[in-house]
Structure formats: C-alpha cells, structure tokens
N, C-alpha and C. Protein backbone atom coordinates (compact mmCIF):
# COMPACT_ATOMS: atom_id res chain seq x y z
N MET A 1 -71.80 -25.25 -35.55
CA MET A 1 -71.00 -26.11 -35.19
C MET A 1 -70.71 -27.17 -35.91
N SER A 2 -69.01 -27.26 -36.60
CA SER A 2 -69.13 -28.63 -37.00
C SER A 2 -68.96 -29.81 -36.05
N VAL A 3 -69.17 -30.96 -36.82
CA VAL A 3 -69.24 -32.05 -36.06
C VAL A 3 -68.10 -32.53 -35.37
N VAL A 4 -66.91 -31.97 -35.77
CA VAL A 4 -65.43 -32.38 -34.96
C VAL A 4 -65.40 -31.37 -33.72
N GLU A 5 -65.76 -29.96 -33.71
CA GLU A 5 -65.99 -29.10 -32.71
C GLU A 5 -66.88 -29.49 -31.71
N LYS A 6 -68.27 -30.18 -32.02
CA LYS A 6 -69.04 -30.84 -31.28
C LYS A 6 -68.44 -31.99 -30.27
N VAL A 7 -67.77 -33.02 -30.82
CA VAL A 7 -67.03 -34.03 -30.14
C VAL A 7 -66.36 -33.28 -29.47
N LYS A 8 -65.45 -32.45 -29.91
CA LYS A 8 -64.41 -32.16 -28.92
C LYS A 8 -65.03 -31.20 -27.59
N SER A 9 -66.01 -30.51 -27.64
CA SER A 9 -66.93 -29.87 -26.83
C SER A 9 -67.05 -30.90 -26.05
N TYR A 10 -67.82 -32.01 -26.04
CA TYR A 10 -68.60 -33.15 -25.46
C TYR A 10 -67.35 -33.73 -24.79
N ILE A 11 -66.19 -33.91 -25.27
CA ILE A 11 -65.30 -34.81 -24.62
C ILE A 11 -64.02 -33.60 -24.09
N GLY A 12 -64.25 -32.61 -24.24
CA GLY A 12 -63.44 -31.67 -23.64
C GLY A 12 -61.80 -31.72 -24.05
N SER A 13 -61.75 -31.99 -25.19
CA SER A 13 -60.40 -31.80 -25.60
C SER A 13 -60.19 -30.93 -26.53
N TYR A 14 -59.48 -29.76 -25.94
CA TYR A 14 -59.19 -28.51 -26.66
C TYR A 14 -57.52 -28.57 -26.27
N SER A 15 -57.00 -27.62 -27.44
CA SER A 15 -55.68 -27.09 -27.28
C SER A 15 -55.42 -26.42 -26.17
N SER A 16 -54.29 -26.53 -25.71
CA SER A 16 -53.46 -25.88 -24.23
C SER A 16 -53.78 -24.49 -24.26
N ALA A 17 -53.81 -23.61 -25.56
CA ALA A 17 -54.01 -22.28 -25.57
C ALA A 17 -55.72 -21.84 -25.64
N ASP A 18 -56.26 -22.94 -25.98
CA ASP A 18 -57.66 -22.30 -26.22
C ASP A 18 -58.30 -22.09 -24.81
N ILE A 19 -59.12 -20.90 -24.74
CA ILE A 19 -59.52 -20.61 -23.38
C ILE A 19 -60.68 -21.68 -22.68
N ARG A 20 -61.36 -22.64 -23.37
CA ARG A 20 -61.65 -23.70 -22.73
C ARG A 20 -60.75 -24.47 -21.85
N SER A 21 -59.77 -24.70 -22.52
CA SER A 21 -58.86 -25.49 -21.64
C SER A 21 -58.21 -24.55 -20.59
N LEU A 22 -58.09 -23.57 -20.72
CA LEU A 22 -57.43 -22.36 -19.57
C LEU A 22 -58.45 -22.18 -18.45
N LEU A 23 -59.60 -22.27 -18.64
CA LEU A 23 -60.86 -22.33 -18.11
C LEU A 23 -60.91 -23.61 -16.83
N ASN A 24 -60.78 -24.81 -17.89
CA ASN A 24 -61.12 -25.89 -17.13
C ASN A 24 -60.09 -26.29 -16.10
N ALA A 25 -58.63 -25.67 -16.43
CA ALA A 25 -57.54 -25.97 -15.30
C ALA A 25 -57.99 -24.86 -14.06
N ASP A 26 -58.27 -23.90 -14.18
CA ASP A 26 -58.87 -23.07 -13.11
C ASP A 26 -60.07 -23.66 -12.21
N HIS A 27 -60.89 -24.16 -13.16
CA HIS A 27 -61.97 -24.58 -12.32
C HIS A 27 -61.70 -26.10 -11.75
N GLU A 28 -60.91 -26.75 -12.17
CA GLU A 28 -60.46 -28.10 -11.37
C GLU A 28 -59.68 -27.50 -9.78
N GLN A 29 -58.86 -26.43 -10.24
CA GLN A 29 -58.08 -25.74 -8.83
C GLN A 29 -59.25 -25.26 -8.16
N ILE A 30 -60.09 -24.38 -8.72
CA ILE A 30 -61.26 -23.67 -7.65
C ILE A 30 -62.22 -24.63 -7.01
N ARG A 31 -62.60 -25.88 -7.72
CA ARG A 31 -63.18 -27.15 -7.07
C ARG A 31 -62.48 -27.86 -6.03
N ALA A 32 -61.30 -28.05 -5.88
CA ALA A 32 -60.68 -28.44 -4.98
C ALA A 32 -60.29 -27.38 -3.83
N LEU A 33 -60.13 -26.42 -4.12
CA LEU A 33 -60.09 -25.70 -2.98
C LEU A 33 -61.06 -25.12 -2.26
N THR A 34 -62.46 -25.26 -2.86
CA THR A 34 -63.89 -24.97 -2.22
C THR A 34 -64.34 -26.36 -1.45
N LYS A 35 -63.93 -27.66 -1.88
CA LYS A 35 -63.88 -28.61 -0.98
C LYS A 35 -62.95 -28.60 0.16
N GLN A 36 -62.04 -27.90 -0.07
CA GLN A 36 -61.38 -27.84 1.42
C GLN A 36 -61.86 -26.71 2.21
N VAL A 37 -62.35 -25.57 1.56
CA VAL A 37 -62.97 -24.69 2.32
C VAL A 37 -64.15 -24.88 3.08
N SER A 38 -64.96 -25.87 2.46
CA SER A 38 -66.25 -26.50 3.20
C SER A 38 -66.03 -27.73 4.03
N SER A 39 -64.88 -28.53 3.85
CA SER A 39 -64.84 -29.42 4.36
C SER A 39 -64.68 -29.70 6.25
N ASP A 40 -64.49 -30.41 6.74
CA ASP A 40 -64.76 -31.01 8.28
C ASP A 40 -63.28 -30.50 8.52
N ASP A 41 -62.35 -30.49 7.80
CA ASP A 41 -60.77 -29.92 8.53
C ASP A 41 -60.96 -29.14 9.25
N SER A 42 -59.86 -28.57 9.87
CA SER A 42 -59.39 -27.78 10.78
C SER A 42 -59.67 -26.72 10.25
N THR A 43 -59.88 -25.65 11.42
CA THR A 43 -60.52 -24.26 11.03
C THR A 43 -59.23 -23.88 10.33
N GLN A 44 -57.97 -24.07 10.75
CA GLN A 44 -56.91 -23.52 10.26
C GLN A 44 -56.56 -23.88 8.65
N LYS A 45 -56.89 -25.40 8.39
CA LYS A 45 -56.85 -25.91 6.86
C LYS A 45 -57.73 -25.05 6.23
N ARG A 46 -58.88 -24.90 6.63
CA ARG A 46 -60.32 -23.94 5.94
C ARG A 46 -59.84 -22.93 5.23
N VAL A 47 -59.19 -22.15 6.75
CA VAL A 47 -59.00 -20.49 6.19
C VAL A 47 -57.73 -20.88 5.22
N ARG A 48 -56.86 -21.68 5.54
CA ARG A 48 -56.00 -21.68 4.50
C ARG A 48 -56.22 -21.85 3.21
N ALA A 49 -56.99 -22.67 3.22
CA ALA A 49 -57.59 -22.66 1.51
C ALA A 49 -58.59 -21.73 1.01
N PHE A 50 -59.29 -21.11 2.25
CA PHE A 50 -60.18 -19.71 1.39
C PHE A 50 -58.87 -18.98 1.32
N ASP A 51 -57.98 -18.74 1.80
CA ASP A 51 -56.87 -17.51 1.54
C ASP A 51 -56.37 -17.88 0.22
N ARG A 52 -56.13 -19.05 -0.16
CA ARG A 52 -55.53 -19.50 -1.79
C ARG A 52 -56.71 -19.43 -2.57
N LEU A 53 -58.19 -19.73 -2.26
CA LEU A 53 -59.00 -19.45 -3.26
C LEU A 53 -59.54 -18.01 -3.60
N LYS A 54 -59.70 -16.97 -2.60
CA LYS A 54 -60.08 -15.97 -2.83
C LYS A 54 -59.33 -15.14 -4.03
N PRO A 55 -57.93 -14.93 -4.12
CA PRO A 55 -57.49 -14.17 -5.17
C PRO A 55 -57.83 -15.37 -6.58
N LEU A 56 -57.82 -16.12 -6.35
CA LEU A 56 -57.67 -17.03 -7.57
C LEU A 56 -59.08 -16.80 -8.31
N LEU A 57 -59.94 -16.91 -7.45
CA LEU A 57 -61.39 -16.83 -7.97
C LEU A 57 -61.87 -15.53 -8.50
N THR A 58 -61.33 -14.43 -7.86
CA THR A 58 -61.64 -12.90 -7.77
C THR A 58 -60.95 -12.69 -9.41
N ALA A 59 -59.80 -13.16 -9.35
CA ALA A 59 -58.81 -13.07 -10.52
C ALA A 59 -59.40 -13.72 -11.97
N HIS A 60 -60.05 -14.70 -11.73
CA HIS A 60 -60.62 -15.92 -12.67
C HIS A 60 -61.65 -15.06 -13.26
N ALA A 61 -62.82 -14.86 -12.52
CA ALA A 61 -63.81 -13.87 -12.68
C ALA A 61 -63.85 -13.30 -13.63
N ARG A 62 -62.82 -12.19 -13.10
CA ARG A 62 -62.96 -10.71 -13.72
C ARG A 62 -62.54 -10.81 -15.21
N ALA A 63 -61.43 -11.36 -15.06
CA ALA A 63 -60.75 -12.05 -16.17
C ALA A 63 -61.53 -12.64 -17.48
N GLU A 64 -62.47 -13.36 -16.95
CA GLU A 64 -63.57 -14.31 -17.68
C GLU A 64 -64.73 -13.52 -18.07
N GLU A 65 -65.04 -12.77 -17.20
CA GLU A 65 -66.17 -11.84 -17.70
C GLU A 65 -65.63 -10.81 -18.89
N GLN A 66 -64.28 -10.38 -18.72
CA GLN A 66 -63.68 -9.57 -19.99
C GLN A 66 -63.53 -10.32 -21.23
N ALA A 67 -62.60 -11.63 -20.90
CA ALA A 67 -62.27 -12.23 -22.28
C ALA A 67 -63.32 -13.26 -22.79
N VAL A 68 -64.32 -13.58 -22.06
CA VAL A 68 -65.31 -14.64 -22.52
C VAL A 68 -66.61 -14.03 -22.57
N TYR A 69 -67.25 -13.30 -21.59
CA TYR A 69 -68.88 -13.04 -21.31
C TYR A 69 -68.83 -11.66 -22.20
N THR A 70 -68.07 -10.92 -22.22
CA THR A 70 -68.35 -9.69 -22.98
C THR A 70 -68.37 -10.28 -24.92
N PRO A 71 -67.41 -11.17 -25.05
CA PRO A 71 -67.58 -11.14 -26.26
C PRO A 71 -69.08 -11.80 -26.70
N LEU A 72 -69.22 -12.91 -25.90
CA LEU A 72 -70.49 -13.58 -26.07
C LEU A 72 -71.49 -12.84 -26.09
N ILE A 73 -71.70 -11.66 -25.25
CA ILE A 73 -72.67 -10.59 -25.03
C ILE A 73 -72.51 -9.88 -26.49
N ASN A 74 -71.69 -9.58 -27.14
CA ASN A 74 -71.55 -9.00 -27.98
C ASN A 74 -71.47 -9.97 -29.32
N LEU A 75 -72.11 -10.95 -29.39
CA LEU A 75 -72.33 -11.44 -30.68
C LEU A 75 -74.03 -11.20 -31.28
N ARG A 76 -74.11 -10.93 -32.39
CA ARG A 76 -75.29 -10.79 -32.92
C ARG A 76 -76.08 -11.86 -33.54
N GLY A 77 -77.54 -12.31 -33.33
CA GLY A 77 -78.03 -13.48 -33.59
C GLY A 77 -77.71 -14.58 -32.81
N ALA A 78 -77.24 -14.43 -31.70
CA ALA A 78 -76.90 -15.28 -30.92
C ALA A 78 -77.57 -15.29 -29.24
N ALA A 79 -78.83 -15.03 -29.22
CA ALA A 79 -79.61 -14.89 -28.14
C ALA A 79 -79.29 -15.38 -27.17
N ASP A 80 -78.82 -17.18 -27.09
CA ASP A 80 -78.65 -17.95 -26.22
C ASP A 80 -77.12 -17.71 -25.72
N SER A 81 -76.27 -17.52 -26.24
CA SER A 81 -75.05 -17.01 -25.86
C SER A 81 -74.95 -15.75 -24.81
N ARG A 82 -75.78 -14.71 -25.49
CA ARG A 82 -75.92 -13.83 -24.73
C ARG A 82 -76.29 -14.21 -23.45
N ALA A 83 -77.67 -14.92 -23.70
CA ALA A 83 -78.33 -15.29 -22.23
C ALA A 83 -77.42 -15.88 -21.13
N ASP A 84 -76.45 -16.88 -21.67
CA ASP A 84 -75.69 -17.81 -20.90
C ASP A 84 -74.45 -16.86 -20.30
N ALA A 85 -74.25 -15.61 -20.92
CA ALA A 85 -73.03 -14.76 -20.52
C ALA A 85 -73.76 -13.97 -19.47
N ASN A 86 -74.47 -13.48 -19.71
CA ASN A 86 -75.40 -12.55 -18.71
C ASN A 86 -75.93 -13.49 -17.46
N GLU A 87 -76.07 -14.61 -17.61
CA GLU A 87 -76.29 -15.51 -16.50
C GLU A 87 -75.14 -15.55 -15.79
N GLY A 88 -73.92 -15.62 -16.36
CA GLY A 88 -72.61 -15.81 -15.66
C GLY A 88 -72.20 -14.83 -14.77
N PHE A 89 -72.51 -13.48 -15.47
CA PHE A 89 -71.95 -12.29 -14.73
C PHE A 89 -72.95 -12.31 -13.63
N VAL A 90 -74.26 -12.86 -13.65
CA VAL A 90 -75.17 -12.79 -12.42
C VAL A 90 -74.38 -13.65 -11.34
N GLU A 91 -73.96 -14.79 -11.73
CA GLU A 91 -73.72 -15.85 -10.91
C GLU A 91 -72.38 -15.61 -10.18
N HIS A 92 -71.47 -14.84 -11.08
CA HIS A 92 -70.13 -14.23 -10.25
C HIS A 92 -70.35 -13.46 -9.48
N SER A 93 -71.21 -12.57 -9.51
CA SER A 93 -71.84 -11.56 -8.34
C SER A 93 -72.33 -12.23 -7.21
N LEU A 94 -73.19 -13.10 -7.11
CA LEU A 94 -73.57 -13.67 -6.04
C LEU A 94 -72.44 -14.49 -5.52
N VAL A 95 -71.29 -15.07 -6.29
CA VAL A 95 -70.19 -15.67 -5.51
C VAL A 95 -69.07 -14.60 -4.99
N ASP A 96 -69.05 -13.23 -5.32
CA ASP A 96 -68.71 -12.32 -4.86
C ASP A 96 -69.36 -12.01 -3.49
N VAL A 97 -70.26 -12.12 -3.18
CA VAL A 97 -71.38 -11.84 -2.11
C VAL A 97 -70.59 -12.52 -1.10
N LEU A 98 -70.90 -14.01 -1.53
CA LEU A 98 -70.43 -15.00 -0.46
C LEU A 98 -68.73 -14.79 0.19
N VAL A 99 -67.98 -14.62 -0.85
CA VAL A 99 -66.73 -14.35 -1.15
C VAL A 99 -66.51 -13.25 0.37
N GLU A 100 -66.93 -12.14 0.04
CA GLU A 100 -66.91 -11.04 0.84
C GLU A 100 -67.37 -11.37 2.29
N ARG A 101 -68.68 -12.02 2.52
CA ARG A 101 -69.05 -12.51 3.98
C ARG A 101 -68.11 -13.32 4.34
N LEU A 102 -67.18 -14.49 3.56
CA LEU A 102 -66.60 -15.23 4.40
C LEU A 102 -65.29 -14.30 4.53
N SER A 103 -64.93 -13.73 3.83
CA SER A 103 -64.12 -12.72 4.14
C SER A 103 -63.66 -11.59 5.47
N LYS A 104 -64.83 -11.37 5.68
CA LYS A 104 -65.50 -10.56 6.89
C LYS A 104 -65.55 -11.47 8.13
N THR A 105 -65.98 -12.67 8.05
CA THR A 105 -66.28 -13.28 9.32
C THR A 105 -64.71 -13.95 9.97
N LYS A 106 -64.46 -13.45 10.79
CA LYS A 106 -63.27 -13.81 11.56
C LYS A 106 -63.32 -15.45 12.06
N LEU A 107 -64.60 -15.98 12.41
CA LEU A 107 -64.52 -16.81 12.94
C LEU A 107 -65.10 -18.14 12.20
N ALA A 108 -63.90 -18.98 11.57
CA ALA A 108 -64.33 -20.05 10.56
C ALA A 108 -64.49 -21.19 11.39
N ALA A 109 -64.71 -21.00 12.39
CA ALA A 109 -65.16 -21.99 13.16
C ALA A 109 -66.40 -22.32 13.41
N THR A 110 -67.47 -21.33 13.27
CA THR A 110 -68.53 -20.86 13.41
C THR A 110 -69.41 -21.69 12.67
N ASP A 111 -70.72 -21.80 12.84
CA ASP A 111 -71.52 -22.66 11.72
C ASP A 111 -71.80 -21.84 10.61
N ALA A 112 -71.96 -20.33 11.33
CA ALA A 112 -72.32 -19.64 9.75
C ALA A 112 -71.47 -19.33 8.70
N TRP A 113 -69.91 -19.18 9.19
CA TRP A 113 -68.90 -19.66 8.32
C TRP A 113 -69.23 -20.79 7.84
N LYS A 114 -69.25 -21.69 8.12
CA LYS A 114 -69.52 -23.31 7.41
C LYS A 114 -70.62 -23.19 6.61
N ALA A 115 -71.67 -22.49 6.91
CA ALA A 115 -73.01 -22.73 5.83
C ALA A 115 -72.31 -21.87 4.68
N HIS A 116 -71.70 -20.46 5.01
CA HIS A 116 -71.33 -20.00 3.68
C HIS A 116 -70.33 -20.74 2.47
N ALA A 117 -69.58 -21.16 3.35
CA ALA A 117 -68.69 -22.15 2.48
C ALA A 117 -69.30 -23.13 1.83
N LYS A 118 -69.79 -23.73 2.63
CA LYS A 118 -71.18 -25.04 1.71
C LYS A 118 -72.04 -24.04 0.58
N VAL A 119 -72.50 -23.29 0.98
CA VAL A 119 -73.21 -22.56 -0.18
C VAL A 119 -72.12 -22.19 -1.40
N LEU A 120 -71.17 -21.39 -1.17
CA LEU A 120 -70.05 -21.15 -2.20
C LEU A 120 -69.82 -22.29 -3.06
N ARG A 121 -69.45 -23.26 -1.98
CA ARG A 121 -68.93 -24.42 -2.90
C ARG A 121 -70.41 -24.88 -4.24
N GLU A 122 -71.58 -25.16 -3.47
CA GLU A 122 -72.65 -25.78 -4.30
C GLU A 122 -72.96 -24.55 -5.20
N THR A 123 -72.72 -23.11 -5.07
CA THR A 123 -73.08 -22.27 -6.45
C THR A 123 -72.05 -22.24 -7.22
N LEU A 124 -70.49 -22.67 -7.10
CA LEU A 124 -69.62 -22.66 -7.74
C LEU A 124 -69.67 -23.90 -8.62
N ASP A 125 -70.00 -25.40 -8.10
CA ASP A 125 -70.10 -26.39 -8.81
C ASP A 125 -71.33 -26.26 -9.59
N HIS A 126 -72.41 -25.65 -9.53
CA HIS A 126 -73.44 -25.43 -10.24
C HIS A 126 -72.83 -24.31 -11.41
N HIS A 127 -72.29 -23.59 -11.02
CA HIS A 127 -72.02 -22.62 -12.29
C HIS A 127 -70.85 -23.12 -13.43
N ILE A 128 -70.01 -23.89 -12.62
CA ILE A 128 -68.74 -24.59 -13.52
C ILE A 128 -69.56 -25.59 -14.34
N LYS A 129 -70.58 -26.26 -13.82
CA LYS A 129 -70.92 -27.37 -14.84
C LYS A 129 -71.77 -26.56 -16.09
N GLU A 130 -72.42 -25.57 -15.47
CA GLU A 130 -73.35 -25.09 -16.56
C GLU A 130 -72.30 -24.31 -17.70
N GLU A 131 -71.24 -23.70 -17.49
CA GLU A 131 -70.39 -23.10 -17.79
C GLU A 131 -69.61 -24.20 -19.14
N GLU A 132 -68.94 -25.12 -18.47
CA GLU A 132 -68.50 -26.38 -19.01
C GLU A 132 -69.44 -26.98 -20.12
N ASP A 133 -70.68 -27.22 -19.51
CA ASP A 133 -71.83 -27.77 -20.65
C ASP A 133 -72.28 -26.90 -21.37
N GLY A 134 -72.69 -25.62 -21.29
CA GLY A 134 -73.23 -24.65 -22.22
C GLY A 134 -72.05 -23.38 -22.88
N ILE A 135 -71.54 -22.92 -21.95
CA ILE A 135 -70.61 -21.61 -22.56
C ILE A 135 -69.54 -22.50 -23.45
N PHE A 136 -68.84 -23.64 -23.08
CA PHE A 136 -67.92 -24.12 -23.72
C PHE A 136 -68.52 -24.51 -25.47
N GLY A 137 -69.46 -24.97 -25.30
CA GLY A 137 -70.35 -25.16 -26.44
C GLY A 137 -70.65 -24.08 -27.43
N GLU A 138 -70.91 -23.02 -26.87
CA GLU A 138 -71.15 -21.30 -27.44
C GLU A 138 -69.84 -21.03 -27.94
N LEU A 139 -68.53 -21.18 -27.10
CA LEU A 139 -67.34 -20.68 -27.56
C LEU A 139 -67.13 -21.67 -28.84
N GLY A 140 -67.31 -23.04 -28.69
CA GLY A 140 -66.99 -23.30 -29.85
C GLY A 140 -67.77 -23.15 -31.09
N GLU A 141 -69.09 -22.68 -31.25
CA GLU A 141 -69.59 -22.72 -32.19
C GLU A 141 -69.36 -21.35 -32.93
N HIS A 142 -69.42 -20.30 -31.87
CA HIS A 142 -69.43 -19.07 -32.45
C HIS A 142 -67.78 -18.36 -32.69
N PHE A 143 -66.99 -18.73 -32.28
CA PHE A 143 -65.65 -18.59 -32.61
C PHE A 143 -64.68 -19.50 -32.93
N SER A 144 -63.39 -18.98 -34.07
CA SER A 144 -62.55 -20.21 -34.25
C SER A 144 -61.49 -20.21 -33.12
N ALA A 145 -60.93 -21.02 -33.74
CA ALA A 145 -59.52 -21.93 -32.88
C ALA A 145 -58.83 -20.48 -32.50
N GLU A 146 -58.64 -19.84 -33.39
CA GLU A 146 -57.58 -18.69 -33.55
C GLU A 146 -58.31 -17.58 -32.58
N GLN A 147 -59.61 -17.39 -32.56
CA GLN A 147 -60.00 -16.45 -31.84
C GLN A 147 -60.18 -16.90 -30.01
N ARG A 148 -60.56 -18.45 -30.05
CA ARG A 148 -60.26 -18.89 -28.84
C ARG A 148 -59.10 -18.59 -28.42
N ASP A 149 -57.80 -19.13 -28.88
CA ASP A 149 -56.23 -19.09 -28.44
C ASP A 149 -56.14 -17.60 -28.17
N ALA A 150 -56.97 -16.11 -28.88
CA ALA A 150 -56.77 -15.22 -28.48
C ALA A 150 -57.40 -14.81 -26.96
N MET A 151 -58.63 -15.50 -26.77
CA MET A 151 -59.34 -15.15 -25.78
C MET A 151 -58.27 -15.69 -24.43
N GLY A 152 -58.00 -16.67 -24.86
CA GLY A 152 -56.86 -17.50 -23.77
C GLY A 152 -55.72 -16.90 -23.24
N ALA A 153 -55.44 -16.23 -24.42
CA ALA A 153 -54.20 -15.42 -23.94
C ALA A 153 -54.65 -13.87 -23.62
N ASP A 154 -55.67 -13.84 -24.21
CA ASP A 154 -56.23 -12.45 -22.92
C ASP A 154 -56.54 -12.55 -21.79
N PHE A 155 -57.42 -13.96 -21.65
CA PHE A 155 -58.09 -14.14 -19.93
C PHE A 155 -56.68 -14.58 -19.25
N VAL A 156 -55.27 -14.98 -19.50
CA VAL A 156 -54.12 -15.38 -18.86
C VAL A 156 -53.57 -13.83 -18.31
N ALA A 157 -53.63 -13.07 -19.64
CA ALA A 157 -52.90 -11.71 -19.15
C ALA A 157 -53.71 -10.88 -18.21
N ARG A 158 -54.90 -11.09 -18.35
CA ARG A 158 -55.71 -10.34 -17.38
C ARG A 158 -56.03 -11.11 -16.03
N LYS A 159 -55.96 -12.36 -15.75
CA LYS A 159 -55.73 -13.07 -14.42
C LYS A 159 -54.43 -12.56 -13.85
N GLN A 160 -53.56 -12.81 -14.79
CA GLN A 160 -51.79 -12.47 -13.97
C GLN A 160 -51.91 -11.03 -13.35
N LYS A 161 -52.40 -10.29 -14.26
CA LYS A 161 -52.48 -8.83 -14.07
C LYS A 161 -53.20 -8.61 -12.52
N LEU A 162 -54.61 -9.00 -12.52
CA LEU A 162 -55.39 -9.23 -11.18
C LEU A 162 -54.87 -9.52 -9.98
N LEU A 163 -53.81 -11.13 -10.08
CA LEU A 163 -53.36 -11.47 -9.29
C LEU A 163 -52.24 -10.75 -8.62
N ILE A 164 -51.24 -10.25 -9.28
CA ILE A 164 -50.00 -9.39 -9.12
C ILE A 164 -50.73 -8.38 -8.31
N ALA A 165 -51.95 -7.78 -8.71
CA ALA A 165 -52.60 -6.39 -8.04
C ALA A 165 -52.94 -6.46 -6.66
N GLN A 166 -53.36 -7.77 -6.84
CA GLN A 166 -53.93 -8.55 -5.39
C GLN A 166 -52.79 -8.93 -4.48
N GLY A 167 -51.59 -8.52 -4.45
CA GLY A 167 -50.40 -9.47 -4.23
C GLY A 167 -50.62 -10.95 -4.23
N ALA A 168 -50.75 -11.74 -4.85
CA ALA A 168 -51.15 -13.26 -4.54
C ALA A 168 -50.19 -13.87 -5.29
N ARG A 169 -49.47 -15.21 -4.86
CA ARG A 169 -48.95 -15.78 -5.58
C ARG A 169 -49.41 -16.61 -6.83
N ILE A 170 -48.81 -16.15 -7.84
CA ILE A 170 -49.40 -17.04 -9.16
C ILE A 170 -48.86 -18.46 -8.76
N GLU A 171 -49.82 -19.43 -8.70
CA GLU A 171 -49.69 -20.66 -9.05
C GLU A 171 -50.49 -21.22 -10.67
N LYS A 172 -49.48 -22.26 -10.81
CA LYS A 172 -49.88 -22.93 -11.99
C LYS A 172 -50.85 -24.08 -12.00
N ALA A 173 -51.41 -24.51 -12.67
CA ALA A 173 -52.15 -25.21 -12.60
C ALA A 173 -51.31 -27.00 -12.74
N ALA A 174 -51.31 -27.83 -11.80
CA ALA A 174 -50.64 -29.13 -12.19
C ALA A 174 -50.99 -29.72 -13.41
C-alpha cells in the first residue's frame, strides 16, 4: 500500500464513491440505531429504532458480503484479507441470529429482549471497529481507487435492491 493510501486509511479520508466511505456512512447509522435499540428509552422508541435498523442491517450485510467480502476472499496471495473477509461473514451470521431473536420476541420491555439488544450493539461495535481498522486497509492495499469506486456502486445497487425487496424506506445518510 502506498504511503498516501496508508494515510487515507488511517484518517478515513476517501472519495464519496469509495466503498469505504459508503460503508462508513452506513456504520454511523447502524451505531446510532443500535444505541437507541439498546437504550433505556421507552419500549416504543426502542421498537421503532429496531424496525428501522433491521432492514438497513440486513441489506447492508448482504450487499457488503457480495461487494466486499467475496472479492477479498478471491484475492490470491492475501491470506490475511481472506481471513478477515471470512471472519466478517461469520460475524454477520451471528448478528443475523440476534436480529431474528429480537424480531420474534414481541415483548420489547422484557429483560431478555434488552439483553439481546445490548449484545447486538456490542457485537456490531466490535465488528465495525475491526472492519474499519482492518478491512478498510486491505481494500486500500489490494484494490485501486477505480476498483473501490466500482465496489461502492455495486454495494449501493445491491443494498437498494434488497431494501426495496424488503419494502423498506430508503434513507440517505445525513
């Protein structure tokens, strides 16, 4: 990775079309929503936040797996990149289990629901930190700016298609 690319990765300065910028924007939304879902606010507020989080999280994860993790896994001579991408797939599957459990539990006021929400938040915080600290660097090292922009376009298209299929309202990050 060039010195310039290392600096960009360290400070998080990417073009708006770069896959890392797009993922980061989603990560900020996801962090804010998981904070609301796991807060001590009213049950109604937590449920509303979860109802917004679930389609975003699902669409983000599936689109990211195809646009980012699969290309990283397909890299030759980049064992660390492949390992990071495979770990991302596993963490996504764990998040899917937590989201499914929260979806099935109708009583958001219960201690069990709150515990699942807290673990979801902690798991996502860990996952996002690893991704931004590790995978973002891998993307900078192994893919050109044009390739990262193409990954970004692929990610956005896949995510929007999934959101539409879920009947979710597409929200743009502020």
